[in-house]
Amino acid sequence: MALSVAAGTETLQAMSFADVTADQDLIVGAVHHIYTVLSTIVFCVSIGSAGDVYELLILGHDQFGDADTQAHPMIIAKVVAVAGQTFVFNDKFSFNGFSSAAYTEPMSTNAEQATIAQQGGSVAQRYQIHPLDTAVITDVTVTFIDQNNA
């Protein structure tokens, strides 16, 4: 039996990515969805040199000032990569699947907050791993809940 992902459903999902060496979307948002990230596991296969880092980040609507430019990613974690070691990020957080309709940032009213929840914009938000050096090679698994409110 196929898993239903229709409107009004909530599904537990897991995605795995092997040998990541560049920006990799871990979750790509859909309009009227809310994603709750339960766990991100990153195994560092290799590095270029000591001090190499990678970031877990959200590319999306910045309610402070950048609207949908995605020019300033919201960094969730910045990790020094160590070959042969595993980093587990299991702090739970949620994000909307799509950006909000336009308003004048920064968000300062309940009406603007409602606009954010309505996800009336045109840009998908993304959860991503971003290695700051191409020599950093990682295996990544992310587990999350996808609430489809379409």
N, C-alpha and C. Protein backbone atom coordinates (compact mmCIF):
# COMPACT_ATOMS: atom_id res chain seq x y z
N MET A 1 0.84 -1.17 0.00
CA MET A 1 0.00 0.00 0.00
C MET A 1 0.89 1.24 0.00
N ALA A 2 0.59 2.16 -0.87
CA ALA A 2 1.36 3.40 -0.98
C ALA A 2 1.03 4.34 0.18
N LEU A 3 2.02 5.09 0.61
CA LEU A 3 1.85 6.06 1.68
C LEU A 3 1.14 7.30 1.13
N SER A 4 0.08 7.73 1.78
CA SER A 4 -0.64 8.92 1.34
C SER A 4 0.10 10.17 1.81
N VAL A 5 0.34 11.08 0.88
CA VAL A 5 0.95 12.37 1.21
C VAL A 5 0.02 13.50 0.77
N ALA A 6 -1.28 13.20 0.74
CA ALA A 6 -2.28 14.17 0.29
C ALA A 6 -2.48 15.26 1.35
N ALA A 7 -3.23 16.28 0.97
CA ALA A 7 -3.55 17.38 1.88
C ALA A 7 -4.13 16.84 3.18
N GLY A 8 -3.70 17.43 4.28
CA GLY A 8 -4.19 17.03 5.58
C GLY A 8 -3.44 15.87 6.21
N THR A 9 -2.36 15.43 5.58
CA THR A 9 -1.59 14.31 6.13
C THR A 9 -0.32 14.79 6.81
N GLU A 10 0.18 13.92 7.64
CA GLU A 10 1.46 14.16 8.32
C GLU A 10 2.28 12.89 8.14
N THR A 11 3.48 13.03 7.57
CA THR A 11 4.29 11.84 7.30
C THR A 11 5.67 12.00 7.93
N LEU A 12 6.19 10.88 8.40
CA LEU A 12 7.56 10.81 8.89
C LEU A 12 8.42 10.40 7.72
N GLN A 13 9.47 11.17 7.45
CA GLN A 13 10.31 10.88 6.30
C GLN A 13 11.79 10.87 6.71
N ALA A 14 12.58 10.16 5.92
CA ALA A 14 14.03 10.13 6.11
C ALA A 14 14.69 10.20 4.74
N MET A 15 15.72 11.00 4.64
CA MET A 15 16.48 11.14 3.40
C MET A 15 17.95 10.89 3.72
N SER A 16 18.65 10.22 2.79
CA SER A 16 20.07 9.95 2.97
C SER A 16 20.85 10.40 1.74
N PHE A 17 22.02 10.95 1.97
CA PHE A 17 22.86 11.50 0.90
C PHE A 17 24.29 11.04 1.16
N ALA A 18 24.90 10.35 0.19
CA ALA A 18 26.25 9.82 0.34
C ALA A 18 27.26 10.68 -0.40
N ASP A 19 28.44 10.80 0.17
CA ASP A 19 29.58 11.47 -0.46
C ASP A 19 29.25 12.90 -0.91
N VAL A 20 28.66 13.67 -0.02
CA VAL A 20 28.31 15.07 -0.32
C VAL A 20 29.58 15.92 -0.28
N THR A 21 29.83 16.66 -1.38
CA THR A 21 31.02 17.51 -1.46
C THR A 21 30.68 18.96 -1.78
N ALA A 22 29.39 19.26 -1.97
CA ALA A 22 28.96 20.62 -2.32
C ALA A 22 27.61 20.86 -1.65
N ASP A 23 27.08 22.07 -1.83
CA ASP A 23 25.77 22.38 -1.27
C ASP A 23 24.78 21.30 -1.66
N GLN A 24 24.04 20.78 -0.68
CA GLN A 24 23.05 19.74 -0.94
C GLN A 24 21.78 20.07 -0.16
N ASP A 25 20.66 20.21 -0.89
CA ASP A 25 19.37 20.38 -0.23
C ASP A 25 19.03 19.08 0.49
N LEU A 26 18.68 19.18 1.77
CA LEU A 26 18.24 18.03 2.54
C LEU A 26 16.72 17.95 2.55
N ILE A 27 16.06 19.11 2.56
CA ILE A 27 14.61 19.21 2.45
C ILE A 27 14.32 20.40 1.54
N VAL A 28 13.47 20.17 0.54
CA VAL A 28 13.01 21.25 -0.35
C VAL A 28 11.54 21.48 -0.03
N GLY A 29 11.22 22.68 0.40
CA GLY A 29 9.87 22.98 0.85
C GLY A 29 8.84 23.00 -0.26
N ALA A 30 7.60 22.73 0.12
CA ALA A 30 6.44 22.85 -0.76
C ALA A 30 5.46 23.81 -0.09
N VAL A 31 4.68 24.50 -0.90
CA VAL A 31 3.75 25.49 -0.38
C VAL A 31 2.72 24.82 0.55
N HIS A 32 2.43 25.48 1.65
CA HIS A 32 1.48 25.05 2.69
C HIS A 32 1.92 23.78 3.42
N HIS A 33 3.23 23.56 3.47
CA HIS A 33 3.78 22.47 4.27
C HIS A 33 4.58 23.08 5.42
N ILE A 34 4.63 22.35 6.52
CA ILE A 34 5.50 22.71 7.64
C ILE A 34 6.38 21.50 7.90
N TYR A 35 7.68 21.73 8.02
CA TYR A 35 8.64 20.66 8.23
C TYR A 35 9.22 20.77 9.64
N THR A 36 9.21 19.67 10.36
CA THR A 36 9.84 19.61 11.68
C THR A 36 11.00 18.64 11.58
N VAL A 37 12.20 19.18 11.69
CA VAL A 37 13.41 18.36 11.59
C VAL A 37 13.65 17.72 12.95
N LEU A 38 13.73 16.39 12.96
CA LEU A 38 13.92 15.64 14.19
C LEU A 38 15.39 15.36 14.45
N SER A 39 16.12 15.02 13.39
CA SER A 39 17.52 14.64 13.56
C SER A 39 18.27 14.80 12.25
N THR A 40 19.50 15.27 12.35
CA THR A 40 20.40 15.31 11.20
C THR A 40 21.70 14.64 11.64
N ILE A 41 22.08 13.60 10.93
CA ILE A 41 23.30 12.85 11.27
C ILE A 41 24.28 13.05 10.13
N VAL A 42 25.48 13.53 10.46
CA VAL A 42 26.51 13.79 9.46
C VAL A 42 27.75 12.99 9.83
N PHE A 43 28.13 12.06 8.96
CA PHE A 43 29.39 11.32 9.11
C PHE A 43 30.39 11.95 8.18
N CYS A 44 31.52 12.36 8.71
CA CYS A 44 32.57 12.99 7.90
C CYS A 44 33.49 11.90 7.34
N VAL A 45 33.41 11.72 6.04
CA VAL A 45 34.21 10.70 5.36
C VAL A 45 35.67 11.15 5.30
N SER A 46 35.88 12.41 4.86
CA SER A 46 37.25 12.93 4.78
C SER A 46 37.22 14.45 4.77
N ILE A 47 38.39 15.04 5.01
CA ILE A 47 38.55 16.50 4.99
C ILE A 47 39.78 16.84 4.17
N GLY A 48 39.93 18.13 3.88
CA GLY A 48 41.13 18.60 3.19
C GLY A 48 42.22 18.92 4.18
N SER A 49 41.87 19.70 5.21
CA SER A 49 42.85 20.08 6.24
C SER A 49 42.12 20.36 7.54
N ALA A 50 42.88 20.32 8.63
CA ALA A 50 42.31 20.59 9.95
C ALA A 50 41.64 21.95 9.94
N GLY A 51 40.48 22.03 10.57
CA GLY A 51 39.76 23.29 10.63
C GLY A 51 38.71 23.46 9.54
N ASP A 52 38.62 22.52 8.58
CA ASP A 52 37.56 22.59 7.58
C ASP A 52 36.20 22.51 8.29
N VAL A 53 35.22 23.22 7.78
CA VAL A 53 33.90 23.25 8.42
C VAL A 53 32.79 23.03 7.39
N TYR A 54 31.64 22.68 7.91
CA TYR A 54 30.41 22.64 7.12
C TYR A 54 29.30 23.26 7.97
N GLU A 55 28.24 23.69 7.30
CA GLU A 55 27.12 24.33 7.99
C GLU A 55 25.82 23.60 7.63
N LEU A 56 24.92 23.55 8.58
CA LEU A 56 23.54 23.17 8.35
C LEU A 56 22.76 24.47 8.38
N LEU A 57 21.96 24.75 7.35
CA LEU A 57 21.32 26.06 7.26
C LEU A 57 19.97 25.99 6.58
N ILE A 58 19.21 27.07 6.76
CA ILE A 58 17.94 27.23 6.07
C ILE A 58 18.09 28.38 5.10
N LEU A 59 17.73 28.12 3.85
CA LEU A 59 17.63 29.17 2.85
C LEU A 59 16.16 29.51 2.74
N GLY A 60 15.81 30.74 3.05
CA GLY A 60 14.40 31.09 2.99
C GLY A 60 14.15 32.54 3.29
N HIS A 61 12.92 32.82 3.57
CA HIS A 61 12.47 34.19 3.82
C HIS A 61 13.05 34.68 5.14
N ASP A 62 13.73 35.79 5.11
CA ASP A 62 14.30 36.40 6.29
C ASP A 62 13.31 37.44 6.80
N GLN A 63 12.64 37.15 7.90
CA GLN A 63 11.62 38.06 8.42
C GLN A 63 12.23 39.34 9.00
N PHE A 64 13.54 39.42 9.07
CA PHE A 64 14.17 40.64 9.56
C PHE A 64 14.40 41.66 8.47
N GLY A 65 14.85 41.20 7.28
CA GLY A 65 15.14 42.23 6.32
C GLY A 65 15.41 41.86 4.88
N ASP A 66 15.61 40.58 4.56
CA ASP A 66 16.02 40.26 3.20
C ASP A 66 14.92 39.69 2.32
N ALA A 67 13.71 39.60 2.84
CA ALA A 67 12.59 39.07 2.07
C ALA A 67 12.98 37.75 1.41
N ASP A 68 12.76 37.62 0.10
CA ASP A 68 13.00 36.35 -0.59
C ASP A 68 14.33 36.27 -1.31
N THR A 69 15.28 37.11 -0.97
CA THR A 69 16.53 37.10 -1.72
C THR A 69 17.38 35.88 -1.39
N GLN A 70 17.17 35.29 -0.22
CA GLN A 70 17.97 34.17 0.28
C GLN A 70 19.46 34.50 0.28
N ALA A 71 19.77 35.80 0.37
CA ALA A 71 21.16 36.23 0.36
C ALA A 71 21.88 35.90 1.67
N HIS A 72 21.12 35.79 2.76
CA HIS A 72 21.71 35.53 4.06
C HIS A 72 21.08 34.28 4.67
N PRO A 73 21.69 33.13 4.45
CA PRO A 73 21.12 31.90 5.01
C PRO A 73 21.11 31.96 6.53
N MET A 74 20.12 31.29 7.12
CA MET A 74 20.05 31.19 8.57
C MET A 74 20.81 29.94 8.98
N ILE A 75 21.95 30.13 9.61
CA ILE A 75 22.81 29.00 9.99
C ILE A 75 22.26 28.35 11.25
N ILE A 76 22.00 27.05 11.17
CA ILE A 76 21.50 26.28 12.31
C ILE A 76 22.68 25.73 13.12
N ALA A 77 23.71 25.26 12.44
CA ALA A 77 24.90 24.72 13.10
C ALA A 77 26.10 24.90 12.20
N LYS A 78 27.23 25.22 12.80
CA LYS A 78 28.51 25.31 12.08
C LYS A 78 29.45 24.34 12.79
N VAL A 79 29.97 23.36 12.04
CA VAL A 79 30.68 22.25 12.64
C VAL A 79 32.07 22.12 12.04
N VAL A 80 33.07 21.95 12.88
CA VAL A 80 34.42 21.64 12.40
C VAL A 80 34.43 20.17 12.00
N ALA A 81 34.76 19.91 10.76
CA ALA A 81 34.74 18.55 10.22
C ALA A 81 35.96 17.78 10.70
N VAL A 82 35.71 16.58 11.21
CA VAL A 82 36.79 15.69 11.64
C VAL A 82 36.59 14.35 10.95
N ALA A 83 37.54 13.95 10.13
CA ALA A 83 37.43 12.72 9.37
C ALA A 83 37.17 11.53 10.29
N GLY A 84 36.20 10.70 9.89
CA GLY A 84 35.90 9.50 10.64
C GLY A 84 34.98 9.71 11.82
N GLN A 85 34.48 10.93 12.02
CA GLN A 85 33.61 11.20 13.16
C GLN A 85 32.20 11.54 12.70
N THR A 86 31.24 11.28 13.60
CA THR A 86 29.83 11.53 13.33
C THR A 86 29.35 12.68 14.20
N PHE A 87 28.61 13.61 13.58
CA PHE A 87 27.96 14.72 14.29
C PHE A 87 26.47 14.48 14.23
N VAL A 88 25.82 14.47 15.41
CA VAL A 88 24.38 14.28 15.48
C VAL A 88 23.76 15.57 15.98
N PHE A 89 22.90 16.15 15.14
CA PHE A 89 22.15 17.35 15.53
C PHE A 89 20.71 16.92 15.72
N ASN A 90 20.28 16.79 16.99
CA ASN A 90 18.92 16.33 17.23
C ASN A 90 18.08 17.33 17.99
N ASP A 91 18.44 18.61 17.92
CA ASP A 91 17.56 19.66 18.41
C ASP A 91 16.45 19.81 17.38
N LYS A 92 15.21 19.77 17.84
CA LYS A 92 14.09 19.86 16.91
C LYS A 92 13.83 21.31 16.54
N PHE A 93 13.49 21.55 15.27
CA PHE A 93 13.08 22.89 14.82
C PHE A 93 12.16 22.72 13.62
N SER A 94 11.36 23.73 13.37
CA SER A 94 10.41 23.69 12.26
C SER A 94 10.62 24.88 11.35
N PHE A 95 10.21 24.71 10.10
CA PHE A 95 10.22 25.82 9.16
C PHE A 95 9.11 25.63 8.13
N ASN A 96 8.64 26.73 7.59
CA ASN A 96 7.60 26.69 6.56
C ASN A 96 8.19 26.23 5.24
N GLY A 97 7.37 25.60 4.43
CA GLY A 97 7.82 25.12 3.14
C GLY A 97 8.02 26.22 2.12
N PHE A 98 7.29 27.32 2.27
CA PHE A 98 7.38 28.40 1.29
C PHE A 98 7.50 29.72 2.01
N SER A 99 7.95 30.72 1.28
CA SER A 99 8.10 32.06 1.84
C SER A 99 6.73 32.70 2.03
N SER A 100 6.73 33.80 2.74
CA SER A 100 5.50 34.55 2.97
C SER A 100 5.26 35.55 1.84
N ALA A 101 4.04 36.02 1.77
CA ALA A 101 3.74 37.12 0.85
C ALA A 101 4.51 38.35 1.31
N ALA A 102 4.73 39.27 0.41
CA ALA A 102 5.54 40.45 0.71
C ALA A 102 4.90 41.33 1.79
N TYR A 103 5.72 41.85 2.63
CA TYR A 103 5.37 42.89 3.59
C TYR A 103 6.65 43.63 3.89
N THR A 104 6.57 44.71 4.62
CA THR A 104 7.77 45.49 4.91
C THR A 104 8.46 44.93 6.14
N GLU A 105 9.64 44.34 5.93
CA GLU A 105 10.41 43.78 7.03
C GLU A 105 11.00 44.92 7.87
N PRO A 106 11.30 44.71 9.13
CA PRO A 106 11.17 43.45 9.87
C PRO A 106 9.74 43.20 10.33
N MET A 107 9.45 41.92 10.57
CA MET A 107 8.13 41.55 11.06
C MET A 107 7.89 42.22 12.41
N SER A 108 6.74 42.88 12.55
CA SER A 108 6.48 43.58 13.81
C SER A 108 5.02 43.55 14.23
N THR A 109 4.15 42.89 13.47
CA THR A 109 2.74 42.86 13.83
C THR A 109 2.20 41.44 13.70
N ASN A 110 1.06 41.21 14.34
CA ASN A 110 0.40 39.92 14.23
C ASN A 110 -0.07 39.67 12.81
N ALA A 111 -0.50 40.72 12.11
CA ALA A 111 -0.95 40.57 10.71
C ALA A 111 0.20 40.07 9.83
N GLU A 112 1.40 40.60 10.04
CA GLU A 112 2.56 40.13 9.28
C GLU A 112 2.90 38.69 9.65
N GLN A 113 2.76 38.36 10.92
CA GLN A 113 3.00 36.99 11.36
C GLN A 113 2.02 36.03 10.69
N ALA A 114 0.76 36.43 10.54
CA ALA A 114 -0.23 35.60 9.86
C ALA A 114 0.15 35.42 8.39
N THR A 115 0.69 36.46 7.77
CA THR A 115 1.14 36.38 6.38
C THR A 115 2.23 35.32 6.22
N ILE A 116 3.11 35.24 7.20
CA ILE A 116 4.17 34.24 7.17
C ILE A 116 3.56 32.84 7.21
N ALA A 117 2.59 32.63 8.10
CA ALA A 117 1.95 31.32 8.23
C ALA A 117 1.19 30.92 6.97
N GLN A 118 0.67 31.90 6.23
CA GLN A 118 -0.11 31.61 5.02
C GLN A 118 0.77 31.19 3.85
N GLN A 119 2.06 31.44 3.91
CA GLN A 119 3.02 31.00 2.88
C GLN A 119 2.59 31.43 1.48
N GLY A 120 2.24 32.69 1.32
CA GLY A 120 1.75 33.17 0.03
C GLY A 120 2.82 33.69 -0.91
N GLY A 121 4.08 33.44 -0.61
CA GLY A 121 5.17 33.91 -1.46
C GLY A 121 5.42 33.00 -2.64
N SER A 122 6.57 33.17 -3.25
CA SER A 122 6.87 32.42 -4.46
C SER A 122 8.19 31.65 -4.39
N VAL A 123 8.78 31.54 -3.20
CA VAL A 123 10.09 30.92 -3.07
C VAL A 123 10.04 29.75 -2.08
N ALA A 124 10.47 28.57 -2.53
CA ALA A 124 10.56 27.41 -1.64
C ALA A 124 11.69 27.63 -0.64
N GLN A 125 11.44 27.27 0.61
CA GLN A 125 12.49 27.32 1.62
C GLN A 125 13.19 25.96 1.62
N ARG A 126 14.47 25.96 2.01
CA ARG A 126 15.28 24.75 1.91
C ARG A 126 16.12 24.57 3.17
N TYR A 127 16.25 23.32 3.58
CA TYR A 127 17.20 22.94 4.63
C TYR A 127 18.36 22.30 3.89
N GLN A 128 19.58 22.73 4.20
CA GLN A 128 20.72 22.38 3.36
C GLN A 128 21.98 22.15 4.20
N ILE A 129 22.86 21.29 3.67
CA ILE A 129 24.22 21.20 4.21
C ILE A 129 25.11 21.96 3.24
N HIS A 130 26.02 22.73 3.81
CA HIS A 130 26.89 23.61 3.02
C HIS A 130 28.34 23.43 3.48
N PRO A 131 29.12 22.58 2.77
CA PRO A 131 30.54 22.47 3.12
C PRO A 131 31.29 23.73 2.68
N LEU A 132 32.13 24.26 3.54
CA LEU A 132 32.87 25.46 3.20
C LEU A 132 34.16 25.15 2.45
N ASP A 133 34.44 23.86 2.24
CA ASP A 133 35.61 23.42 1.49
C ASP A 133 35.20 22.18 0.72
N THR A 134 35.50 22.11 -0.56
CA THR A 134 35.08 20.96 -1.37
C THR A 134 35.80 19.67 -0.97
N ALA A 135 36.84 19.78 -0.17
CA ALA A 135 37.53 18.58 0.29
C ALA A 135 36.77 17.89 1.43
N VAL A 136 35.79 18.58 2.01
CA VAL A 136 34.97 17.96 3.06
C VAL A 136 33.95 17.06 2.38
N ILE A 137 34.01 15.77 2.69
CA ILE A 137 33.08 14.79 2.13
C ILE A 137 32.29 14.19 3.28
N THR A 138 30.95 14.25 3.16
CA THR A 138 30.10 13.77 4.24
C THR A 138 29.01 12.84 3.73
N ASP A 139 28.54 11.98 4.62
CA ASP A 139 27.32 11.20 4.42
C ASP A 139 26.29 11.80 5.39
N VAL A 140 25.09 12.09 4.89
CA VAL A 140 24.10 12.81 5.69
C VAL A 140 22.77 12.07 5.68
N THR A 141 22.16 11.96 6.84
CA THR A 141 20.80 11.43 6.96
C THR A 141 19.98 12.43 7.76
N VAL A 142 18.82 12.79 7.23
CA VAL A 142 17.92 13.71 7.93
C VAL A 142 16.57 13.02 8.09
N THR A 143 16.01 13.13 9.29
CA THR A 143 14.69 12.58 9.59
C THR A 143 13.79 13.74 9.97
N PHE A 144 12.57 13.76 9.38
CA PHE A 144 11.69 14.90 9.61
C PHE A 144 10.22 14.53 9.45
N ILE A 145 9.37 15.38 9.99
CA ILE A 145 7.93 15.25 9.83
C ILE A 145 7.49 16.30 8.83
N ASP A 146 6.71 15.89 7.84
CA ASP A 146 6.16 16.79 6.82
C ASP A 146 4.65 16.88 7.06
N GLN A 147 4.20 18.07 7.47
CA GLN A 147 2.77 18.32 7.67
C GLN A 147 2.25 19.02 6.42
N ASN A 148 1.38 18.35 5.70
CA ASN A 148 0.83 18.89 4.46
C ASN A 148 -0.50 19.57 4.79
N ASN A 149 -0.51 20.90 4.74
CA ASN A 149 -1.70 21.68 5.07
C ASN A 149 -2.34 22.28 3.83
N ALA A 150 -2.01 21.76 2.65
CA ALA A 150 -2.54 22.33 1.40
C ALA A 150 -4.03 22.12 1.29
